[in-house]
Amino acid sequence: MSTHAAFLTDEEIFAIAHPLSQPPAIVRWFLKNGFTEIKIRPNGLPLITRVYFDRVTASQAQRAAVGTAPQPDVDAFRRKRGAGKLRVVGAKV
């Protein structure tokens, strides 16, 4: 009988967030990808329970399957003040 640890191992976290290798970058990656309920281990890596990981990834897969995966809000971007103006940083106008 195979038993899994209650939390993701360091190796699993590195494999999921590959090619990232620095703990702060890996934490940001998890936060950006919907893992909002995480704690930080003493080594800087995120502490994520296996049950929570399965719940978040299943939710994301279900939204993607029905076509409701998060999309950029293009209309909000266009309504943003000055969005229609082309701005080039460092160029003299």
C-alpha atoms as a PDB file:
ATOM      1  CA  MET A   1       0.000   0.000   0.000  1.00  0.00           C
ATOM      2  CA  SER A   2       1.459   3.339  -1.062  1.00  0.00           C
ATOM      3  CA  THR A   3       0.952   6.285   1.259  1.00  0.00           C
ATOM      4  CA  HIS A   4       1.437   9.878   0.216  1.00  0.00           C
ATOM      5  CA  ALA A   5       2.605  12.640   2.490  1.00  0.00           C
ATOM      6  CA  ALA A   6      -0.004  15.179   3.555  1.00  0.00           C
ATOM      7  CA  PHE A   7       2.037  17.963   1.936  1.00  0.00           C
ATOM      8  CA  LEU A   8       3.743  18.283  -1.440  1.00  0.00           C
ATOM      9  CA  THR A   9       7.442  17.448  -1.237  1.00  0.00           C
ATOM     10  CA  ASP A  10      10.212  19.823  -2.296  1.00  0.00           C
ATOM     11  CA  GLU A  11      10.821  17.682  -5.381  1.00  0.00           C
ATOM     12  CA  GLU A  12       7.155  17.874  -6.384  1.00  0.00           C
ATOM     13  CA  ILE A  13       7.083  21.645  -5.907  1.00  0.00           C
ATOM     14  CA  PHE A  14      10.220  22.091  -8.033  1.00  0.00           C
ATOM     15  CA  ALA A  15       8.741  19.837 -10.738  1.00  0.00           C
ATOM     16  CA  ILE A  16       5.449  21.763 -10.771  1.00  0.00           C
ATOM     17  CA  ALA A  17       7.112  25.190 -10.931  1.00  0.00           C
ATOM     18  CA  HIS A  18       9.888  24.145 -13.346  1.00  0.00           C
ATOM     19  CA  PRO A  19      12.046  25.977 -14.570  1.00  0.00           C
ATOM     20  CA  LEU A  20      11.861  28.214 -11.488  1.00  0.00           C
ATOM     21  CA  SER A  21      14.369  27.340  -8.773  1.00  0.00           C
ATOM     22  CA  GLN A  22      14.329  30.243  -6.301  1.00  0.00           C
ATOM     23  CA  PRO A  23      11.817  29.887  -3.443  1.00  0.00           C
ATOM     24  CA  PRO A  24      10.387  33.458  -3.666  1.00  0.00           C
ATOM     25  CA  ALA A  25       9.779  33.021  -7.397  1.00  0.00           C
ATOM     26  CA  ILE A  26       8.119  29.663  -6.800  1.00  0.00           C
ATOM     27  CA  VAL A  27       5.839  31.180  -4.126  1.00  0.00           C
ATOM     28  CA  ARG A  28       4.844  33.981  -6.542  1.00  0.00           C
ATOM     29  CA  TRP A  29       4.133  31.397  -9.251  1.00  0.00           C
ATOM     30  CA  PHE A  30       1.791  29.446  -6.973  1.00  0.00           C
ATOM     31  CA  LEU A  31       0.016  32.625  -5.835  1.00  0.00           C
ATOM     32  CA  LYS A  32      -0.400  33.799  -9.431  1.00  0.00           C
ATOM     33  CA  ASN A  33      -1.839  30.425 -10.419  1.00  0.00           C
ATOM     34  CA  GLY A  34      -4.667  30.353  -7.903  1.00  0.00           C
ATOM     35  CA  PHE A  35      -3.027  28.901  -4.797  1.00  0.00           C
ATOM     36  CA  THR A  36      -4.014  31.609  -2.322  1.00  0.00           C
ATOM     37  CA  GLU A  37      -4.103  29.502   0.863  1.00  0.00           C
ATOM     38  CA  ILE A  38      -0.431  28.666   1.266  1.00  0.00           C
ATOM     39  CA  LYS A  39       2.067  29.140   4.046  1.00  0.00           C
ATOM     40  CA  ILE A  40       5.821  29.513   3.703  1.00  0.00           C
ATOM     41  CA  ARG A  41       8.212  26.842   5.027  1.00  0.00           C
ATOM     42  CA  PRO A  42      11.435  27.807   6.832  1.00  0.00           C
ATOM     43  CA  ASN A  43      13.338  27.007   3.605  1.00  0.00           C
ATOM     44  CA  GLY A  44      11.219  29.583   1.714  1.00  0.00           C
ATOM     45  CA  LEU A  45       9.206  27.108  -0.351  1.00  0.00           C
ATOM     46  CA  PRO A  46       5.415  27.085  -0.171  1.00  0.00           C
ATOM     47  CA  LEU A  47       3.704  24.645   2.171  1.00  0.00           C
ATOM     48  CA  ILE A  48       0.793  23.165   0.217  1.00  0.00           C
ATOM     49  CA  THR A  49      -1.380  20.273   1.312  1.00  0.00           C
ATOM     50  CA  ARG A  50      -1.982  17.564  -1.248  1.00  0.00           C
ATOM     51  CA  VAL A  51      -5.766  17.891  -0.787  1.00  0.00           C
ATOM     52  CA  TYR A  52      -5.646  21.660  -1.452  1.00  0.00           C
ATOM     53  CA  PHE A  53      -3.429  21.150  -4.508  1.00  0.00           C
ATOM     54  CA  ASP A  54      -5.879  18.592  -5.915  1.00  0.00           C
ATOM     55  CA  ARG A  55      -8.848  20.884  -5.226  1.00  0.00           C
ATOM     56  CA  VAL A  56      -7.299  23.912  -6.973  1.00  0.00           C
ATOM     57  CA  THR A  57      -6.050  21.980  -9.993  1.00  0.00           C
ATOM     58  CA  ALA A  58      -9.379  20.145 -10.381  1.00  0.00           C
ATOM     59  CA  SER A  59     -11.227  23.462 -10.253  1.00  0.00           C
ATOM     60  CA  GLN A  60      -8.930  24.942 -12.909  1.00  0.00           C
ATOM     61  CA  ALA A  61      -9.318  21.882 -15.135  1.00  0.00           C
ATOM     62  CA  GLN A  62     -13.094  22.004 -14.823  1.00  0.00           C
ATOM     63  CA  ARG A  63     -13.208  25.715 -15.785  1.00  0.00           C
ATOM     64  CA  ALA A  64     -10.934  25.061 -18.760  1.00  0.00           C
ATOM     65  CA  ALA A  65     -13.119  22.140 -19.890  1.00  0.00           C
ATOM     66  CA  VAL A  66     -16.271  24.258 -20.013  1.00  0.00           C
ATOM     67  CA  GLY A  67     -14.480  27.231 -21.553  1.00  0.00           C
ATOM     68  CA  THR A  68     -14.637  29.496 -18.533  1.00  0.00           C
ATOM     69  CA  ALA A  69     -10.922  29.675 -17.863  1.00  0.00           C
ATOM     70  CA  PRO A  70      -9.813  33.151 -16.796  1.00  0.00           C
ATOM     71  CA  GLN A  71      -9.337  35.482 -19.752  1.00  0.00           C
ATOM     72  CA  PRO A  72      -7.940  38.999 -19.962  1.00  0.00           C
ATOM     73  CA  ASP A  73     -10.554  41.756 -19.729  1.00  0.00           C
ATOM     74  CA  VAL A  74      -9.836  43.489 -23.040  1.00  0.00           C
ATOM     75  CA  ASP A  75     -12.758  45.912 -22.695  1.00  0.00           C
ATOM     76  CA  ALA A  76     -11.500  47.139 -19.322  1.00  0.00           C
ATOM     77  CA  PHE A  77      -8.067  47.665 -20.821  1.00  0.00           C
ATOM     78  CA  ARG A  78      -9.545  49.705 -23.660  1.00  0.00           C
ATOM     79  CA  ARG A  79     -11.593  51.810 -21.240  1.00  0.00           C
ATOM     80  CA  LYS A  80      -8.486  52.602 -19.234  1.00  0.00           C
ATOM     81  CA  ARG A  81      -7.559  56.251 -19.530  1.00  0.00           C
ATOM     82  CA  GLY A  82      -5.027  56.749 -22.290  1.00  0.00           C
ATOM     83  CA  ALA A  83      -5.143  53.172 -23.500  1.00  0.00           C
ATOM     84  CA  GLY A  84      -5.584  54.332 -27.093  1.00  0.00           C
ATOM     85  CA  LYS A  85      -2.366  56.381 -27.067  1.00  0.00           C
ATOM     86  CA  LEU A  86       0.884  54.798 -28.091  1.00  0.00           C
ATOM     87  CA  ARG A  87       3.589  55.517 -25.551  1.00  0.00           C
ATOM     88  CA  VAL A  88       7.190  54.591 -26.197  1.00  0.00           C
ATOM     89  CA  VAL A  89       9.450  54.797 -23.183  1.00  0.00           C
ATOM     90  CA  GLY A  90      12.700  56.630 -23.738  1.00  0.00           C
ATOM     91  CA  ALA A  91      11.776  58.020 -27.168  1.00  0.00           C
ATOM     92  CA  LYS A  92      11.633  61.753 -27.875  1.00  0.00           C
ATOM     93  CA  VAL A  93       8.261  62.800 -29.216  1.00  0.00           C
END
